[in-house]
Amino acid sequence: MPGTTKNIDFKPYKVKKGETYMSAGQLAHFRAILEQMRKELMEEVDVTVQHLQEDPGHLPDPNDQASREEEFNLELKTRNREGKLIHNIESALERINLKEYGYCDMCNEEIGIKRLEARPTAKLCIDCKTIAEVKEKQFAEN
């Protein structure tokens, strides 16, 4: 799932007694996760670019050509989603630099360590995200 850490290897952060939320240690923890996510995504982008450059061009069999075009379209859609994720990662890294990371954009409450480890690009706490999804669903139904 885009935006999650399921493919990133990291140790869950253990909050120290008396440690304040989004301490320097916590910010460093999330910076490392986000930078690893960005690195892996950029490597995938490089593979796609190389793959597209190595493509031999037109195939004589129309079915083979159609299959290849569909494959490329799917790959480009995936890279487009990943491009948006890279943008979200960059935004999260900027929030870390500004010491604004980890707080909900809607209510300004703590998002929470566990939620951020599951989705380091999260901008909303779980309560505000739930409300936003309900509103989005209602809007879609109307």
Protein backbone atom coordinates (compact mmCIF):
# COMPACT_ATOMS: atom_id res chain seq x y z
CA MET A 1 0.00 0.00 0.00
CA PRO A 2 1.50 3.37 -0.95
CA GLY A 3 2.64 5.50 1.93
CA THR A 4 3.17 2.60 4.29
CA THR A 5 6.35 1.13 5.73
CA LYS A 6 5.53 -2.51 5.01
CA ASN A 7 8.67 -2.93 2.83
CA ILE A 8 10.95 -0.82 5.05
CA ASP A 9 13.03 -2.57 7.71
CA PHE A 10 13.14 -0.57 10.95
CA LYS A 11 12.84 -1.15 14.66
CA PRO A 12 9.74 0.36 16.26
CA TYR A 13 10.59 3.42 18.32
CA LYS A 14 10.60 2.86 22.06
CA VAL A 15 9.56 6.02 23.87
CA LYS A 16 11.84 6.73 26.82
CA LYS A 17 10.41 7.62 30.20
CA GLY A 18 9.77 11.35 30.35
CA GLU A 19 10.46 11.84 26.63
CA THR A 20 8.36 14.52 24.99
CA TYR A 21 6.38 13.84 21.85
CA MET A 22 8.41 14.43 18.66
CA SER A 23 11.70 14.69 20.51
CA ALA A 24 14.94 14.90 18.53
CA GLY A 25 15.25 11.10 18.72
CA GLN A 26 11.75 10.55 17.39
CA LEU A 27 12.26 13.06 14.57
CA ALA A 28 15.54 11.33 13.63
CA HIS A 29 13.72 7.97 13.64
CA PHE A 30 11.06 9.20 11.23
CA ARG A 31 13.58 11.07 9.07
CA ALA A 32 15.47 7.79 8.59
CA ILE A 33 12.27 5.92 7.66
CA LEU A 34 11.16 8.62 5.20
CA GLU A 35 14.60 8.85 3.60
CA GLN A 36 14.68 5.07 3.15
CA MET A 37 11.23 5.15 1.56
CA ARG A 38 12.33 7.94 -0.79
CA LYS A 39 15.54 6.08 -1.70
CA GLU A 40 13.67 2.89 -2.58
CA LEU A 41 11.08 4.76 -4.64
CA MET A 42 13.77 6.65 -6.54
CA GLU A 43 15.51 3.36 -7.33
CA GLU A 44 12.24 2.01 -8.75
CA VAL A 45 11.84 5.15 -10.87
CA ASP A 46 15.37 4.63 -12.23
CA VAL A 47 14.52 1.01 -13.15
CA THR A 48 11.40 2.17 -14.99
CA VAL A 49 13.30 4.82 -16.93
CA GLN A 50 15.97 2.28 -17.86
CA HIS A 51 13.30 -0.23 -18.88
CA LEU A 52 11.58 2.31 -21.11
CA GLN A 53 14.88 3.34 -22.71
CA GLU A 54 15.81 -0.28 -23.45
CA ASP A 55 12.47 -1.05 -25.11
CA PRO A 56 13.10 -2.30 -28.68
CA GLY A 57 10.19 -0.31 -30.05
CA HIS A 58 7.47 -1.68 -32.28
CA LEU A 59 6.75 -5.43 -32.25
CA PRO A 60 5.50 -7.13 -35.44
CA ASP A 61 2.72 -9.05 -33.66
CA PRO A 62 -0.19 -6.71 -32.79
CA ASN A 63 -1.07 -8.80 -29.73
CA ASP A 64 2.48 -8.59 -28.40
CA GLN A 65 2.52 -4.86 -29.07
CA ALA A 66 -0.81 -4.37 -27.28
CA SER A 67 0.41 -6.42 -24.31
CA ARG A 68 3.59 -4.37 -24.07
CA GLU A 69 1.68 -1.09 -24.26
CA GLU A 70 -0.69 -2.22 -21.53
CA GLU A 71 2.29 -3.27 -19.40
CA PHE A 72 3.91 0.16 -19.90
CA ASN A 73 0.65 1.96 -19.10
CA LEU A 74 0.33 0.02 -15.85
CA GLU A 75 3.95 0.71 -14.99
CA LEU A 76 3.52 4.42 -15.69
CA LYS A 77 0.38 4.59 -13.53
CA THR A 78 2.30 2.93 -10.71
CA ARG A 79 5.17 5.40 -11.11
CA ASN A 80 2.68 8.28 -11.11
CA ARG A 81 1.30 7.10 -7.75
CA GLU A 82 4.85 6.71 -6.49
CA GLY A 83 5.65 10.24 -7.70
CA LYS A 84 2.82 11.54 -5.54
CA LEU A 85 4.18 9.51 -2.63
CA ILE A 86 7.65 11.01 -3.16
CA HIS A 87 6.03 14.44 -2.98
CA ASN A 88 4.32 13.45 0.30
CA ILE A 89 7.62 12.15 1.65
CA GLU A 90 9.33 15.43 0.76
CA SER A 91 6.50 17.30 2.51
CA ALA A 92 6.90 15.14 5.63
CA LEU A 93 10.67 15.73 5.65
CA GLU A 94 10.03 19.47 5.40
CA ARG A 95 7.63 19.24 8.36
CA ILE A 96 10.40 17.48 10.30
CA ASN A 97 12.79 20.33 9.45
CA LEU A 98 10.20 22.83 10.66
CA LYS A 99 9.49 20.71 13.79
CA GLU A 100 5.83 20.47 12.71
CA TYR A 101 5.90 16.73 11.98
CA GLY A 102 3.60 14.41 13.91
CA TYR A 103 0.75 16.83 14.50
CA CYS A 104 -2.64 16.68 12.80
CA ASP A 105 -3.26 19.30 10.12
CA MET A 106 -6.93 19.60 11.18
CA CYS A 107 -6.95 19.54 15.00
CA ASN A 108 -3.23 20.02 15.76
CA GLU A 109 -3.29 17.02 18.12
CA GLU A 110 -0.60 14.32 18.15
CA ILE A 111 -0.92 11.81 15.31
CA GLY A 112 0.86 9.15 17.36
CA ILE A 113 4.06 7.16 16.99
CA LYS A 114 2.40 3.88 15.95
CA ARG A 115 0.26 5.54 13.27
CA LEU A 116 3.28 7.41 11.91
CA GLU A 117 5.31 4.21 11.82
CA ALA A 118 2.54 2.57 9.82
CA ARG A 119 2.09 5.64 7.57
CA PRO A 120 4.98 8.10 7.96
CA THR A 121 3.42 10.57 5.52
CA ALA A 122 0.20 10.89 7.58
CA LYS A 123 -0.99 14.46 8.07
CA LEU A 124 -4.14 13.63 10.02
CA CYS A 125 -4.74 11.86 13.32
CA ILE A 126 -6.92 8.78 13.09
CA ASP A 127 -10.04 10.62 14.31
CA CYS A 128 -9.74 13.42 11.73
CA LYS A 129 -8.86 10.93 8.99
CA THR A 130 -12.00 8.93 9.80
CA ILE A 131 -14.15 12.07 9.68
CA ALA A 132 -12.56 13.11 6.37
CA GLU A 133 -13.24 9.67 4.86
CA VAL A 134 -16.88 9.74 6.00
CA LYS A 135 -17.33 13.20 4.46
CA GLU A 136 -15.62 12.06 1.25
CA LYS A 137 -17.90 9.02 1.05
CA GLN A 138 -21.00 11.15 1.64
CA PHE A 139 -19.90 13.62 -1.04
CA ALA A 140 -19.29 10.77 -3.49
CA GLU A 141 -22.78 9.38 -2.89
CA ASN A 142 -24.47 12.71 -3.65
